């Protein structure tokens, strides 16, 4: 039974990788928010997180989406 599940999971992954992206590319602000969100979830030290937050603020101001 687990072998069938594994085969199905492999097939699902292969189909997902082969399928073209149907969504439009993100705006610069959306892309920045996605990267910032991922960085906030990463295992970083407090100082590293503070550095990421500072970079996000600087980049947000640069693209006109100041937070």
N, C-alpha and C. Protein backbone atom coordinates (compact mmCIF):
# COMPACT_ATOMS: atom_id res chain seq x y z
N UNK A 1 0.83 -1.20 0.00
CA UNK A 1 0.00 0.00 0.00
C UNK A 1 0.86 1.25 0.00
N UNK A 2 1.90 1.27 0.82
CA UNK A 2 2.75 2.46 0.86
C UNK A 2 3.50 2.65 -0.45
N UNK A 3 3.76 1.54 -1.15
CA UNK A 3 4.43 1.65 -2.43
C UNK A 3 3.54 2.39 -3.44
N UNK A 4 2.24 2.15 -3.38
CA UNK A 4 1.31 2.87 -4.26
C UNK A 4 1.30 4.35 -3.93
N UNK A 5 1.31 4.69 -2.64
CA UNK A 5 1.33 6.08 -2.23
C UNK A 5 2.59 6.77 -2.71
N UNK A 6 3.72 6.08 -2.62
CA UNK A 6 4.98 6.66 -3.06
C UNK A 6 4.95 6.91 -4.57
N UNK A 7 4.43 5.95 -5.33
CA UNK A 7 4.33 6.13 -6.77
C UNK A 7 3.43 7.31 -7.11
N UNK A 8 2.34 7.45 -6.40
CA UNK A 8 1.41 8.55 -6.64
C UNK A 8 2.07 9.88 -6.30
N UNK A 9 2.79 9.92 -5.19
CA UNK A 9 3.47 11.15 -4.80
C UNK A 9 4.53 11.55 -5.81
N UNK A 10 5.28 10.60 -6.31
CA UNK A 10 6.30 10.87 -7.32
C UNK A 10 5.64 11.40 -8.58
N UNK A 11 4.54 10.81 -8.98
CA UNK A 11 3.83 11.26 -10.16
C UNK A 11 3.30 12.68 -9.96
N UNK A 12 2.76 12.97 -8.78
CA UNK A 12 2.26 14.31 -8.50
C UNK A 12 3.37 15.35 -8.59
N UNK A 13 4.53 15.03 -8.05
CA UNK A 13 5.67 15.95 -8.10
C UNK A 13 6.12 16.16 -9.54
N UNK A 14 6.20 15.08 -10.30
CA UNK A 14 6.62 15.19 -11.69
C UNK A 14 5.64 16.04 -12.50
N UNK A 15 4.35 15.87 -12.26
CA UNK A 15 3.35 16.65 -12.97
C UNK A 15 3.44 18.12 -12.58
N UNK A 16 3.67 18.38 -11.32
CA UNK A 16 3.78 19.77 -10.85
C UNK A 16 5.00 20.44 -11.46
N UNK A 17 6.10 19.70 -11.60
CA UNK A 17 7.30 20.28 -12.18
C UNK A 17 7.14 20.49 -13.69
N UNK A 18 6.38 19.63 -14.35
CA UNK A 18 6.22 19.73 -15.79
C UNK A 18 5.19 20.78 -16.19
N UNK A 19 4.26 21.08 -15.29
CA UNK A 19 3.20 22.03 -15.61
C UNK A 19 3.76 23.44 -15.68
N UNK A 20 3.42 24.18 -16.73
CA UNK A 20 3.89 25.55 -16.82
C UNK A 20 3.21 26.42 -15.77
N UNK A 21 3.92 27.43 -15.34
CA UNK A 21 3.35 28.35 -14.34
C UNK A 21 2.22 29.14 -14.98
N UNK A 22 1.03 29.03 -14.42
CA UNK A 22 -0.13 29.72 -14.98
C UNK A 22 -0.32 31.09 -14.36
N UNK A 23 0.47 31.40 -13.34
CA UNK A 23 0.31 32.68 -12.67
C UNK A 23 1.22 33.73 -13.30
N UNK A 24 0.86 34.96 -13.08
CA UNK A 24 1.70 36.05 -13.57
C UNK A 24 2.86 36.25 -12.61
N UNK A 25 3.97 36.77 -13.08
CA UNK A 25 5.09 36.99 -12.18
C UNK A 25 4.74 38.04 -11.13
N UNK A 26 5.33 37.95 -9.95
CA UNK A 26 5.00 38.91 -8.90
C UNK A 26 5.57 40.29 -9.21
N UNK A 27 4.96 41.28 -8.63
CA UNK A 27 5.51 42.63 -8.73
C UNK A 27 6.76 42.69 -7.87
N UNK A 28 7.60 43.70 -8.02
CA UNK A 28 8.78 43.80 -7.16
C UNK A 28 8.42 43.81 -5.68
N UNK A 29 7.34 44.50 -5.32
CA UNK A 29 6.93 44.56 -3.92
C UNK A 29 6.49 43.18 -3.42
N UNK A 30 5.73 42.44 -4.24
CA UNK A 30 5.30 41.10 -3.85
C UNK A 30 6.50 40.17 -3.71
N UNK A 31 7.46 40.30 -4.62
CA UNK A 31 8.66 39.47 -4.55
C UNK A 31 9.45 39.76 -3.28
N UNK A 32 9.59 41.03 -2.95
CA UNK A 32 10.29 41.42 -1.73
C UNK A 32 9.58 40.87 -0.51
N UNK A 33 8.27 40.97 -0.47
CA UNK A 33 7.50 40.45 0.66
C UNK A 33 7.65 38.94 0.80
N UNK A 34 7.69 38.23 -0.32
CA UNK A 34 7.85 36.78 -0.28
C UNK A 34 9.23 36.40 0.27
N UNK A 35 10.26 37.10 -0.18
CA UNK A 35 11.61 36.82 0.31
C UNK A 35 11.72 37.19 1.79
N UNK A 36 11.15 38.32 2.17
CA UNK A 36 11.19 38.74 3.57
C UNK A 36 10.48 37.73 4.46
N UNK A 37 9.36 37.23 4.01
CA UNK A 37 8.61 36.24 4.78
C UNK A 37 9.43 34.96 4.96
N UNK A 38 10.07 34.53 3.90
CA UNK A 38 10.91 33.32 3.98
C UNK A 38 12.08 33.54 4.93
N UNK A 39 12.68 34.72 4.86
CA UNK A 39 13.81 35.02 5.74
C UNK A 39 13.38 35.07 7.20
N UNK A 40 12.19 35.56 7.45
CA UNK A 40 11.70 35.63 8.84
C UNK A 40 11.44 34.25 9.42
N UNK A 41 11.13 33.30 8.55
CA UNK A 41 10.86 31.94 9.01
C UNK A 41 12.14 31.11 9.13
N UNK A 42 13.23 31.62 8.60
CA UNK A 42 14.50 30.88 8.63
C UNK A 42 15.08 30.90 10.04
N UNK A 43 15.90 29.92 10.31
CA UNK A 43 16.59 29.86 11.60
C UNK A 43 17.81 30.77 11.53
N UNK A 44 17.63 31.96 12.04
CA UNK A 44 18.70 32.95 12.07
C UNK A 44 18.85 33.46 13.49
N UNK A 45 20.00 34.06 13.75
CA UNK A 45 20.18 34.68 15.06
C UNK A 45 19.36 35.97 15.10
N UNK A 46 19.24 36.54 16.29
CA UNK A 46 18.51 37.80 16.44
C UNK A 46 19.14 38.88 15.57
N UNK A 47 20.47 38.97 15.59
CA UNK A 47 21.17 39.99 14.80
C UNK A 47 20.94 39.79 13.30
N UNK A 48 20.93 38.53 12.87
CA UNK A 48 20.68 38.26 11.44
C UNK A 48 19.26 38.66 11.06
N UNK A 49 18.29 38.36 11.93
CA UNK A 49 16.91 38.77 11.65
C UNK A 49 16.80 40.29 11.61
N UNK A 50 17.48 40.97 12.51
CA UNK A 50 17.46 42.43 12.52
C UNK A 50 18.06 42.97 11.23
N UNK A 51 19.12 42.35 10.75
CA UNK A 51 19.72 42.76 9.48
C UNK A 51 18.78 42.56 8.30
N UNK A 52 18.07 41.43 8.30
CA UNK A 52 17.09 41.17 7.24
C UNK A 52 15.99 42.22 7.27
N UNK A 53 15.47 42.52 8.46
CA UNK A 53 14.41 43.54 8.57
C UNK A 53 14.90 44.90 8.06
N UNK A 54 16.14 45.25 8.38
CA UNK A 54 16.69 46.53 7.90
C UNK A 54 16.80 46.52 6.37
N UNK A 55 17.25 45.43 5.81
CA UNK A 55 17.35 45.32 4.34
C UNK A 55 15.98 45.41 3.69
N UNK A 56 14.98 44.78 4.28
CA UNK A 56 13.62 44.82 3.75
C UNK A 56 13.13 46.27 3.72
N UNK A 57 13.34 47.00 4.80
CA UNK A 57 12.90 48.40 4.86
C UNK A 57 13.58 49.24 3.78
N UNK A 58 14.88 49.05 3.62
CA UNK A 58 15.62 49.81 2.62
C UNK A 58 15.12 49.50 1.21
N UNK A 59 14.96 48.21 0.91
CA UNK A 59 14.50 47.82 -0.42
C UNK A 59 13.05 48.26 -0.67
N UNK A 60 12.22 48.17 0.36
CA UNK A 60 10.82 48.61 0.21
C UNK A 60 10.77 50.09 -0.13
N UNK A 61 11.58 50.89 0.52
CA UNK A 61 11.62 52.32 0.21
C UNK A 61 12.15 52.55 -1.21
N UNK A 62 13.12 51.75 -1.62
CA UNK A 62 13.72 51.90 -2.95
C UNK A 62 12.72 51.59 -4.06
N UNK A 63 11.81 50.63 -3.81
CA UNK A 63 10.84 50.30 -4.86
C UNK A 63 9.54 51.07 -4.68
N UNK A 64 9.50 51.94 -3.67
CA UNK A 64 8.33 52.78 -3.49
C UNK A 64 7.21 52.15 -2.71
N UNK A 65 7.48 51.08 -2.01
CA UNK A 65 6.45 50.43 -1.21
C UNK A 65 6.79 50.45 0.25
N UNK A 66 7.31 51.58 0.73
CA UNK A 66 7.76 51.69 2.11
C UNK A 66 6.78 51.13 3.11
N UNK A 67 7.31 50.40 4.08
CA UNK A 67 6.46 49.73 5.07
C UNK A 67 6.33 50.58 6.30
